[in-house]
Full PDB file with SEQRES, HELIX, SHEET, SSBOND, CRYST1, ORIGX, SCALE, CONECT and MASTER records, all heavy atoms in Angstrom:
SEQRES   1 A   29  LEU PHE ILE ARG LEU ALA MET PRO ILE LEU MET GLY MET          
SEQRES   2 A   29  LEU PHE ASN LEU LEU TYR THR ILE VAL ASP THR LEU PHE          
SEQRES   3 A   29  ILE SER ALA                                                  
HELIX    1 AA1 PHE A    2  SER A   28  1                                  27    
CRYST1    1.000    1.000    1.000  90.00  90.00  90.00 P 1           1          
ORIGX1      1.000000  0.000000  0.000000        0.00000                         
ORIGX2      0.000000  1.000000  0.000000        0.00000                         
ORIGX3      0.000000  0.000000  1.000000        0.00000                         
SCALE1      1.000000  0.000000  0.000000        0.00000                         
SCALE2      0.000000  1.000000  0.000000        0.00000                         
SCALE3      0.000000  0.000000  1.000000        0.00000                         
ATOM      1  N   LEU A   1     -19.648   5.884   7.701  1.00  0.00           N  
ATOM      2  CA  LEU A   1     -18.632   6.794   8.211  1.00  0.00           C  
ATOM      3  C   LEU A   1     -17.268   6.093   8.281  1.00  0.00           C  
ATOM      4  O   LEU A   1     -16.238   6.667   7.924  1.00  0.00           O  
ATOM      5  CB  LEU A   1     -19.027   7.313   9.595  1.00  0.00           C  
ATOM      6  CG  LEU A   1     -18.047   8.275  10.273  1.00  0.00           C  
ATOM      7  CD1 LEU A   1     -17.790   9.502   9.407  1.00  0.00           C  
ATOM      8  CD2 LEU A   1     -18.564   8.684  11.650  1.00  0.00           C  
ATOM      9  N   PHE A   2     -17.265   4.847   8.740  1.00  0.00           N  
ATOM     10  CA  PHE A   2     -16.029   4.072   8.766  1.00  0.00           C  
ATOM     11  C   PHE A   2     -15.430   3.958   7.363  1.00  0.00           C  
ATOM     12  O   PHE A   2     -14.225   4.140   7.167  1.00  0.00           O  
ATOM     13  CB  PHE A   2     -16.286   2.663   9.323  1.00  0.00           C  
ATOM     14  CG  PHE A   2     -15.990   2.544  10.781  1.00  0.00           C  
ATOM     15  CD1 PHE A   2     -17.009   2.502  11.705  1.00  0.00           C  
ATOM     16  CD2 PHE A   2     -14.682   2.459  11.234  1.00  0.00           C  
ATOM     17  CE1 PHE A   2     -16.744   2.387  13.065  1.00  0.00           C  
ATOM     18  CE2 PHE A   2     -14.398   2.341  12.576  1.00  0.00           C  
ATOM     19  CZ  PHE A   2     -15.436   2.306  13.499  1.00  0.00           C  
ATOM     20  N   ILE A   3     -16.281   3.643   6.401  1.00  0.00           N  
ATOM     21  CA  ILE A   3     -15.794   3.472   5.028  1.00  0.00           C  
ATOM     22  C   ILE A   3     -15.244   4.788   4.495  1.00  0.00           C  
ATOM     23  O   ILE A   3     -14.180   4.827   3.869  1.00  0.00           O  
ATOM     24  CB  ILE A   3     -16.936   2.940   4.123  1.00  0.00           C  
ATOM     25  CG1 ILE A   3     -17.297   1.502   4.533  1.00  0.00           C  
ATOM     26  CG2 ILE A   3     -16.522   2.993   2.649  1.00  0.00           C  
ATOM     27  CD1 ILE A   3     -18.552   0.964   3.867  1.00  0.00           C  
ATOM     28  N   ARG A   4     -15.939   5.898   4.785  1.00  0.00           N  
ATOM     29  CA  ARG A   4     -15.490   7.205   4.284  1.00  0.00           C  
ATOM     30  C   ARG A   4     -14.142   7.600   4.879  1.00  0.00           C  
ATOM     31  O   ARG A   4     -13.293   8.183   4.189  1.00  0.00           O  
ATOM     32  CB  ARG A   4     -16.558   8.261   4.608  1.00  0.00           C  
ATOM     33  CG  ARG A   4     -16.214   9.646   4.111  1.00  0.00           C  
ATOM     34  CD  ARG A   4     -17.458  10.509   3.986  1.00  0.00           C  
ATOM     35  NE  ARG A   4     -18.212  10.582   5.216  1.00  0.00           N  
ATOM     36  CZ  ARG A   4     -17.976  11.457   6.205  1.00  0.00           C  
ATOM     37  NH1 ARG A   4     -16.973  12.322   6.082  1.00  0.00           N  
ATOM     38  NH2 ARG A   4     -18.704  11.483   7.285  1.00  0.00           N  
ATOM     39  N   LEU A   5     -13.931   7.292   6.152  1.00  0.00           N  
ATOM     40  CA  LEU A   5     -12.669   7.647   6.791  1.00  0.00           C  
ATOM     41  C   LEU A   5     -11.556   6.639   6.501  1.00  0.00           C  
ATOM     42  O   LEU A   5     -10.384   7.003   6.373  1.00  0.00           O  
ATOM     43  CB  LEU A   5     -12.863   7.761   8.309  1.00  0.00           C  
ATOM     44  CG  LEU A   5     -13.704   8.926   8.812  1.00  0.00           C  
ATOM     45  CD1 LEU A   5     -13.885   8.849  10.317  1.00  0.00           C  
ATOM     46  CD2 LEU A   5     -13.087  10.264   8.424  1.00  0.00           C  
ATOM     47  N   ALA A   6     -11.928   5.362   6.409  1.00  0.00           N  
ATOM     48  CA  ALA A   6     -10.907   4.315   6.265  1.00  0.00           C  
ATOM     49  C   ALA A   6     -10.426   4.147   4.826  1.00  0.00           C  
ATOM     50  O   ALA A   6      -9.267   3.776   4.606  1.00  0.00           O  
ATOM     51  CB  ALA A   6     -11.448   2.979   6.790  1.00  0.00           C  
ATOM     52  N   MET A   7     -11.296   4.413   3.846  1.00  0.00           N  
ATOM     53  CA  MET A   7     -10.929   4.127   2.456  1.00  0.00           C  
ATOM     54  C   MET A   7      -9.715   4.920   1.982  1.00  0.00           C  
ATOM     55  O   MET A   7      -8.828   4.357   1.316  1.00  0.00           O  
ATOM     56  CB  MET A   7     -12.119   4.379   1.532  1.00  0.00           C  
ATOM     57  CG  MET A   7     -13.132   3.235   1.526  1.00  0.00           C  
ATOM     58  SD  MET A   7     -12.403   1.627   1.123  1.00  0.00           S  
ATOM     59  CE  MET A   7     -11.891   1.900  -0.568  1.00  0.00           C  
ATOM     60  N   PRO A   8      -9.608   6.232   2.260  1.00  0.00           N  
ATOM     61  CA  PRO A   8      -8.391   6.935   1.834  1.00  0.00           C  
ATOM     62  C   PRO A   8      -7.125   6.351   2.463  1.00  0.00           C  
ATOM     63  O   PRO A   8      -6.091   6.245   1.805  1.00  0.00           O  
ATOM     64  CB  PRO A   8      -8.632   8.370   2.306  1.00  0.00           C  
ATOM     65  CG  PRO A   8     -10.109   8.503   2.391  1.00  0.00           C  
ATOM     66  CD  PRO A   8     -10.585   7.162   2.853  1.00  0.00           C  
ATOM     67  N   ILE A   9      -7.206   5.974   3.757  1.00  0.00           N  
ATOM     68  CA  ILE A   9      -6.046   5.366   4.404  1.00  0.00           C  
ATOM     69  C   ILE A   9      -5.737   4.019   3.760  1.00  0.00           C  
ATOM     70  O   ILE A   9      -4.577   3.669   3.525  1.00  0.00           O  
ATOM     71  CB  ILE A   9      -6.306   5.177   5.912  1.00  0.00           C  
ATOM     72  CG1 ILE A   9      -6.671   6.504   6.553  1.00  0.00           C  
ATOM     73  CG2 ILE A   9      -5.088   4.574   6.607  1.00  0.00           C  
ATOM     74  CD1 ILE A   9      -7.063   6.392   8.011  1.00  0.00           C  
ATOM     75  N   LEU A  10      -6.785   3.261   3.462  1.00  0.00           N  
ATOM     76  CA  LEU A  10      -6.610   1.960   2.815  1.00  0.00           C  
ATOM     77  C   LEU A  10      -5.917   2.115   1.472  1.00  0.00           C  
ATOM     78  O   LEU A  10      -4.995   1.356   1.147  1.00  0.00           O  
ATOM     79  CB  LEU A  10      -7.978   1.284   2.640  1.00  0.00           C  
ATOM     80  CG  LEU A  10      -7.972  -0.115   2.021  1.00  0.00           C  
ATOM     81  CD1 LEU A  10      -7.314  -1.098   2.955  1.00  0.00           C  
ATOM     82  CD2 LEU A  10      -9.383  -0.561   1.696  1.00  0.00           C  
ATOM     83  N   MET A  11      -6.331   3.110   0.695  1.00  0.00           N  
ATOM     84  CA  MET A  11      -5.709   3.330  -0.616  1.00  0.00           C  
ATOM     85  C   MET A  11      -4.237   3.715  -0.461  1.00  0.00           C  
ATOM     86  O   MET A  11      -3.368   3.235  -1.193  1.00  0.00           O  
ATOM     87  CB  MET A  11      -6.458   4.431  -1.366  1.00  0.00           C  
ATOM     88  CG  MET A  11      -7.869   4.047  -1.775  1.00  0.00           C  
ATOM     89  SD  MET A  11      -7.923   2.565  -2.806  1.00  0.00           S  
ATOM     90  CE  MET A  11      -6.989   3.131  -4.237  1.00  0.00           C  
ATOM     91  N   GLY A  12      -3.956   4.592   0.508  1.00  0.00           N  
ATOM     92  CA  GLY A  12      -2.571   4.969   0.748  1.00  0.00           C  
ATOM     93  C   GLY A  12      -1.729   3.786   1.167  1.00  0.00           C  
ATOM     94  O   GLY A  12      -0.582   3.622   0.724  1.00  0.00           O  
ATOM     95  N   MET A  13      -2.282   2.938   2.016  1.00  0.00           N  
ATOM     96  CA  MET A  13      -1.539   1.770   2.489  1.00  0.00           C  
ATOM     97  C   MET A  13      -1.378   0.713   1.398  1.00  0.00           C  
ATOM     98  O   MET A  13      -0.400  -0.052   1.406  1.00  0.00           O  
ATOM     99  CB  MET A  13      -2.235   1.171   3.709  1.00  0.00           C  
ATOM    100  CG  MET A  13      -2.080   2.025   4.957  1.00  0.00           C  
ATOM    101  SD  MET A  13      -2.786   1.260   6.419  1.00  0.00           S  
ATOM    102  CE  MET A  13      -2.158   2.379   7.692  1.00  0.00           C  
ATOM    103  N   LEU A  14      -2.317   0.650   0.484  1.00  0.00           N  
ATOM    104  CA  LEU A  14      -2.157  -0.266  -0.652  1.00  0.00           C  
ATOM    105  C   LEU A  14      -0.950   0.139  -1.497  1.00  0.00           C  
ATOM    106  O   LEU A  14      -0.214  -0.718  -2.004  1.00  0.00           O  
ATOM    107  CB  LEU A  14      -3.428  -0.290  -1.508  1.00  0.00           C  
ATOM    108  CG  LEU A  14      -4.607  -1.072  -0.915  1.00  0.00           C  
ATOM    109  CD1 LEU A  14      -5.848  -0.902  -1.792  1.00  0.00           C  
ATOM    110  CD2 LEU A  14      -4.260  -2.552  -0.778  1.00  0.00           C  
ATOM    111  N   PHE A  15      -0.757   1.447  -1.647  1.00  0.00           N  
ATOM    112  CA  PHE A  15       0.447   1.902  -2.346  1.00  0.00           C  
ATOM    113  C   PHE A  15       1.699   1.578  -1.534  1.00  0.00           C  
ATOM    114  O   PHE A  15       2.756   1.291  -2.100  1.00  0.00           O  
ATOM    115  CB  PHE A  15       0.363   3.403  -2.629  1.00  0.00           C  
ATOM    116  CG  PHE A  15      -0.229   3.718  -3.968  1.00  0.00           C  
ATOM    117  CD1 PHE A  15      -1.602   3.779  -4.132  1.00  0.00           C  
ATOM    118  CD2 PHE A  15       0.581   3.938  -5.071  1.00  0.00           C  
ATOM    119  CE1 PHE A  15      -2.161   4.061  -5.368  1.00  0.00           C  
ATOM    120  CE2 PHE A  15       0.038   4.221  -6.312  1.00  0.00           C  
ATOM    121  CZ  PHE A  15      -1.345   4.283  -6.468  1.00  0.00           C  
ATOM    122  N   ASN A  16       1.569   1.621  -0.213  1.00  0.00           N  
ATOM    123  CA  ASN A  16       2.696   1.219   0.627  1.00  0.00           C  
ATOM    124  C   ASN A  16       3.010  -0.255   0.435  1.00  0.00           C  
ATOM    125  O   ASN A  16       4.178  -0.662   0.384  1.00  0.00           O  
ATOM    126  CB  ASN A  16       2.379   1.493   2.101  1.00  0.00           C  
ATOM    127  CG  ASN A  16       3.562   1.257   2.995  1.00  0.00           C  
ATOM    128  OD1 ASN A  16       4.590   1.919   2.889  1.00  0.00           O  
ATOM    129  ND2 ASN A  16       3.452   0.282   3.876  1.00  0.00           N  
ATOM    130  N   LEU A  17       1.955  -1.067   0.321  1.00  0.00           N  
ATOM    131  CA  LEU A  17       2.144  -2.491   0.036  1.00  0.00           C  
ATOM    132  C   LEU A  17       2.785  -2.687  -1.326  1.00  0.00           C  
ATOM    133  O   LEU A  17       3.706  -3.508  -1.484  1.00  0.00           O  
ATOM    134  CB  LEU A  17       0.795  -3.214   0.103  1.00  0.00           C  
ATOM    135  CG  LEU A  17       0.802  -4.682  -0.343  1.00  0.00           C  
ATOM    136  CD1 LEU A  17       1.720  -5.511   0.546  1.00  0.00           C  
ATOM    137  CD2 LEU A  17      -0.622  -5.244  -0.345  1.00  0.00           C  
ATOM    138  N   LEU A  18       2.301  -1.921  -2.318  1.00  0.00           N  
ATOM    139  CA  LEU A  18       2.875  -2.018  -3.662  1.00  0.00           C  
ATOM    140  C   LEU A  18       4.365  -1.669  -3.627  1.00  0.00           C  
ATOM    141  O   LEU A  18       5.192  -2.348  -4.247  1.00  0.00           O  
ATOM    142  CB  LEU A  18       2.133  -1.076  -4.611  1.00  0.00           C  
ATOM    143  CG  LEU A  18       2.639  -1.041  -6.061  1.00  0.00           C  
ATOM    144  CD1 LEU A  18       2.505  -2.409  -6.716  1.00  0.00           C  
ATOM    145  CD2 LEU A  18       1.875   0.020  -6.862  1.00  0.00           C  
ATOM    146  N   TYR A  19       4.706  -0.607  -2.871  1.00  0.00           N  
ATOM    147  CA  TYR A  19       6.117  -0.243  -2.732  1.00  0.00           C  
ATOM    148  C   TYR A  19       6.904  -1.375  -2.088  1.00  0.00           C  
ATOM    149  O   TYR A  19       8.009  -1.711  -2.521  1.00  0.00           O  
ATOM    150  CB  TYR A  19       6.257   1.027  -1.883  1.00  0.00           C  
ATOM    151  CG  TYR A  19       7.483   1.036  -1.022  1.00  0.00           C  
ATOM    152  CD1 TYR A  19       8.753   1.140  -1.589  1.00  0.00           C  
ATOM    153  CD2 TYR A  19       7.389   0.907   0.361  1.00  0.00           C  
ATOM    154  CE1 TYR A  19       9.884   1.120  -0.795  1.00  0.00           C  
ATOM    155  CE2 TYR A  19       8.510   0.893   1.153  1.00  0.00           C  
ATOM    156  CZ  TYR A  19       9.756   0.996   0.573  1.00  0.00           C  
ATOM    157  OH  TYR A  19      10.875   0.962   1.351  1.00  0.00           O  
ATOM    158  N   THR A  20       6.348  -1.979  -1.023  1.00  0.00           N  
ATOM    159  CA  THR A  20       7.044  -3.066  -0.331  1.00  0.00           C  
ATOM    160  C   THR A  20       7.325  -4.220  -1.283  1.00  0.00           C  
ATOM    161  O   THR A  20       8.422  -4.790  -1.285  1.00  0.00           O  
ATOM    162  CB  THR A  20       6.193  -3.561   0.854  1.00  0.00           C  
ATOM    163  OG1 THR A  20       5.989  -2.477   1.759  1.00  0.00           O  
ATOM    164  CG2 THR A  20       6.879  -4.702   1.581  1.00  0.00           C  
ATOM    165  N   ILE A  21       6.316  -4.568  -2.092  1.00  0.00           N  
ATOM    166  CA  ILE A  21       6.486  -5.674  -3.040  1.00  0.00           C  
ATOM    167  C   ILE A  21       7.532  -5.324  -4.092  1.00  0.00           C  
ATOM    168  O   ILE A  21       8.439  -6.116  -4.382  1.00  0.00           O  
ATOM    169  CB  ILE A  21       5.134  -6.015  -3.702  1.00  0.00           C  
ATOM    170  CG1 ILE A  21       4.163  -6.575  -2.654  1.00  0.00           C  
ATOM    171  CG2 ILE A  21       5.328  -7.007  -4.844  1.00  0.00           C  
ATOM    172  CD1 ILE A  21       2.754  -6.768  -3.165  1.00  0.00           C  
ATOM    173  N   VAL A  22       7.423  -4.122  -4.668  1.00  0.00           N  
ATOM    174  CA  VAL A  22       8.363  -3.706  -5.709  1.00  0.00           C  
ATOM    175  C   VAL A  22       9.778  -3.599  -5.149  1.00  0.00           C  
ATOM    176  O   VAL A  22      10.752  -4.055  -5.759  1.00  0.00           O  
ATOM    177  CB  VAL A  22       7.917  -2.359  -6.330  1.00  0.00           C  
ATOM    178  CG1 VAL A  22       8.991  -1.821  -7.274  1.00  0.00           C  
ATOM    179  CG2 VAL A  22       6.604  -2.536  -7.073  1.00  0.00           C  
ATOM    180  N   ASP A  23       9.885  -3.012  -3.959  1.00  0.00           N  
ATOM    181  CA  ASP A  23      11.184  -2.871  -3.312  1.00  0.00           C  
ATOM    182  C   ASP A  23      11.827  -4.241  -3.088  1.00  0.00           C  
ATOM    183  O   ASP A  23      13.014  -4.456  -3.373  1.00  0.00           O  
ATOM    184  CB  ASP A  23      11.001  -2.149  -1.973  1.00  0.00           C  
ATOM    185  CG  ASP A  23      12.317  -1.679  -1.369  1.00  0.00           C  
ATOM    186  OD1 ASP A  23      12.996  -0.868  -2.020  1.00  0.00           O  
ATOM    187  OD2 ASP A  23      12.665  -2.117  -0.260  1.00  0.00           O  
ATOM    188  N   THR A  24      11.026  -5.193  -2.585  1.00  0.00           N  
ATOM    189  CA  THR A  24      11.533  -6.547  -2.343  1.00  0.00           C  
ATOM    190  C   THR A  24      11.903  -7.234  -3.647  1.00  0.00           C  
ATOM    191  O   THR A  24      12.913  -7.954  -3.721  1.00  0.00           O  
ATOM    192  CB  THR A  24      10.481  -7.376  -1.580  1.00  0.00           C  
ATOM    193  OG1 THR A  24      10.073  -6.661  -0.406  1.00  0.00           O  
ATOM    194  CG2 THR A  24      11.048  -8.718  -1.162  1.00  0.00           C  
ATOM    195  N   LEU A  25      11.104  -7.002  -4.685  1.00  0.00           N  
ATOM    196  CA  LEU A  25      11.403  -7.601  -5.988  1.00  0.00           C  
ATOM    197  C   LEU A  25      12.748  -7.118  -6.534  1.00  0.00           C  
ATOM    198  O   LEU A  25      13.570  -7.917  -6.993  1.00  0.00           O  
ATOM    199  CB  LEU A  25      10.292  -7.269  -6.993  1.00  0.00           C  
ATOM    200  CG  LEU A  25       9.048  -8.155  -6.974  1.00  0.00           C  
ATOM    201  CD1 LEU A  25       7.960  -7.554  -7.853  1.00  0.00           C  
ATOM    202  CD2 LEU A  25       9.391  -9.563  -7.445  1.00  0.00           C  
ATOM    203  N   PHE A  26      12.983  -5.822  -6.457  1.00  0.00           N  
ATOM    204  CA  PHE A  26      14.240  -5.282  -6.992  1.00  0.00           C  
ATOM    205  C   PHE A  26      15.444  -5.678  -6.140  1.00  0.00           C  
ATOM    206  O   PHE A  26      16.527  -5.936  -6.664  1.00  0.00           O  
ATOM    207  CB  PHE A  26      14.151  -3.765  -7.142  1.00  0.00           C  
ATOM    208  CG  PHE A  26      13.338  -3.319  -8.318  1.00  0.00           C  
ATOM    209  CD1 PHE A  26      12.216  -2.528  -8.152  1.00  0.00           C  
ATOM    210  CD2 PHE A  26      13.694  -3.695  -9.610  1.00  0.00           C  
ATOM    211  CE1 PHE A  26      11.467  -2.119  -9.243  1.00  0.00           C  
ATOM    212  CE2 PHE A  26      12.949  -3.298 -10.705  1.00  0.00           C  
ATOM    213  CZ  PHE A  26      11.826  -2.511 -10.522  1.00  0.00           C  
ATOM    214  N   ILE A  27      15.236  -5.746  -4.818  1.00  0.00           N  
ATOM    215  CA  ILE A  27      16.333  -6.201  -3.956  1.00  0.00           C  
ATOM    216  C   ILE A  27      16.660  -7.664  -4.251  1.00  0.00           C  
ATOM    217  O   ILE A  27      17.831  -8.043  -4.364  1.00  0.00           O  
ATOM    218  CB  ILE A  27      15.976  -6.010  -2.466  1.00  0.00           C  
ATOM    219  CG1 ILE A  27      15.936  -4.521  -2.119  1.00  0.00           C  
ATOM    220  CG2 ILE A  27      16.995  -6.714  -1.568  1.00  0.00           C  
ATOM    221  CD1 ILE A  27      15.478  -4.232  -0.705  1.00  0.00           C  
ATOM    222  N   SER A  28      15.616  -8.482  -4.415  1.00  0.00           N  
ATOM    223  CA  SER A  28      15.851  -9.897  -4.708  1.00  0.00           C  
ATOM    224  C   SER A  28      16.469 -10.084  -6.086  1.00  0.00           C  
ATOM    225  O   SER A  28      17.195 -11.051  -6.334  1.00  0.00           O  
ATOM    226  CB  SER A  28      14.542 -10.683  -4.615  1.00  0.00           C  
ATOM    227  OG  SER A  28      13.631 -10.280  -5.629  1.00  0.00           O  
ATOM    228  N   ALA A  29      16.205  -9.122  -7.013  1.00  0.00           N  
ATOM    229  CA  ALA A  29      16.755  -9.220  -8.370  1.00  0.00           C  
ATOM    230  C   ALA A  29      18.275  -9.057  -8.391  1.00  0.00           C  
ATOM    231  O   ALA A  29      18.922  -9.405  -9.383  1.00  0.00           O  
ATOM    232  CB  ALA A  29      16.107  -8.172  -9.268  1.00  0.00           C  
TER     233      ALA A  29                                                      
MASTER        0    0    0    1    0    0    0    6  232    1    0    3          
END                                                                             
């Protein structure tokens, strides 16, 4: 049940992490 509820949030937050990394990369560029 934890995995079923947490996995969609985890996937969404991974995209948030990806955005943070990309955003920081372009700002540093």
